[in-house]
């Protein structure tokens, strides 16, 4: 989970957080349990898709470049 937080930029987090909140908040709606289950599956699935989509777009080489860039940045600040 830590790698996901490093990889995602503000746009991904902006899309993921509301979907997670909605996936659980919809349980308070006065609708049938079946509808709640469907809504939860769709919203939670979308949140996970956006979350892991950031890793897929970045790829292995991009992740290695990002990791080395972060290491250089941290070594300069010390």
Protein backbone atom coordinates (compact mmCIF):
# COMPACT_ATOMS: atom_id res chain seq x y z
CA UNK A 1 0.00 0.00 0.00
CA UNK A 2 2.90 2.37 0.65
CA UNK A 3 4.06 2.08 -2.97
CA UNK A 4 0.63 3.15 -4.16
CA UNK A 5 0.75 6.32 -2.10
CA UNK A 6 4.18 7.18 -3.51
CA UNK A 7 3.12 6.57 -7.09
CA UNK A 8 -0.14 8.44 -7.13
CA UNK A 9 -0.27 12.12 -7.82
CA UNK A 10 -2.97 14.47 -6.56
CA UNK A 11 -5.41 13.62 -9.37
CA UNK A 12 -5.46 9.92 -8.51
CA UNK A 13 -6.01 10.59 -4.83
CA UNK A 14 -8.73 13.07 -5.71
CA UNK A 15 -10.58 10.33 -7.60
CA UNK A 16 -9.94 7.50 -5.16
CA UNK A 17 -10.87 9.07 -1.83
CA UNK A 18 -14.44 10.12 -2.73
CA UNK A 19 -15.12 6.68 -4.21
CA UNK A 20 -14.01 4.96 -1.00
CA UNK A 21 -16.14 7.32 1.08
CA UNK A 22 -19.17 6.83 -1.16
CA UNK A 23 -18.76 3.05 -1.19
CA UNK A 24 -19.34 2.97 2.57
CA UNK A 25 -21.57 6.03 3.00
CA UNK A 26 -24.20 4.57 0.65
CA UNK A 27 -24.91 1.97 3.35
CA UNK A 28 -26.89 4.69 5.15
CA UNK A 29 -29.33 5.09 2.25
CA UNK A 30 -32.85 3.66 2.71
CA UNK A 31 -32.62 1.17 -0.18
CA UNK A 32 -32.65 -2.62 -0.39
CA UNK A 33 -29.68 -4.70 0.72
CA UNK A 34 -29.23 -5.92 -2.85
CA UNK A 35 -28.97 -2.37 -4.18
CA UNK A 36 -26.51 -1.51 -1.41
CA UNK A 37 -24.39 -4.51 -2.32
CA UNK A 38 -24.36 -3.57 -5.99
CA UNK A 39 -23.48 0.06 -5.20
CA UNK A 40 -20.70 -0.99 -2.85
CA UNK A 41 -19.23 -3.38 -5.42
CA UNK A 42 -19.29 -0.78 -8.19
CA UNK A 43 -17.93 2.12 -6.11
CA UNK A 44 -15.28 0.09 -4.28
CA UNK A 45 -14.25 -1.55 -7.56
CA UNK A 46 -13.86 1.83 -9.22
CA UNK A 47 -11.75 3.07 -6.31
CA UNK A 48 -9.45 0.06 -6.57
CA UNK A 49 -9.25 0.45 -10.35
CA UNK A 50 -8.15 4.08 -10.05
CA UNK A 51 -5.75 3.21 -7.24
CA UNK A 52 -3.94 0.42 -9.07
CA UNK A 53 -4.25 2.15 -12.44
CA UNK A 54 -1.64 4.63 -11.26
CA UNK A 55 0.84 1.79 -10.76
CA UNK A 56 0.04 0.26 -14.13
CA UNK A 57 0.56 3.51 -15.98
CA UNK A 58 3.87 4.13 -14.23
CA UNK A 59 5.25 0.65 -14.94
CA UNK A 60 8.34 -1.03 -13.53
CA UNK A 61 10.90 1.27 -15.15
CA UNK A 62 8.97 4.36 -14.16
CA UNK A 63 8.77 3.10 -10.59
CA UNK A 64 12.55 2.57 -10.53
CA UNK A 65 13.14 6.10 -11.88
CA UNK A 66 10.74 7.58 -9.32
CA UNK A 67 12.39 5.65 -6.50
CA UNK A 68 15.88 6.82 -7.48
CA UNK A 69 14.63 10.39 -7.85
CA UNK A 70 13.12 10.29 -4.36
CA UNK A 71 16.36 8.86 -2.94
CA UNK A 72 18.38 11.69 -4.53
CA UNK A 73 15.92 14.27 -3.20
CA UNK A 74 16.13 12.83 0.32
CA UNK A 75 19.95 12.72 0.26
CA UNK A 76 20.10 16.41 -0.73
CA UNK A 77 17.85 17.47 2.14
CA UNK A 78 19.94 15.73 4.80
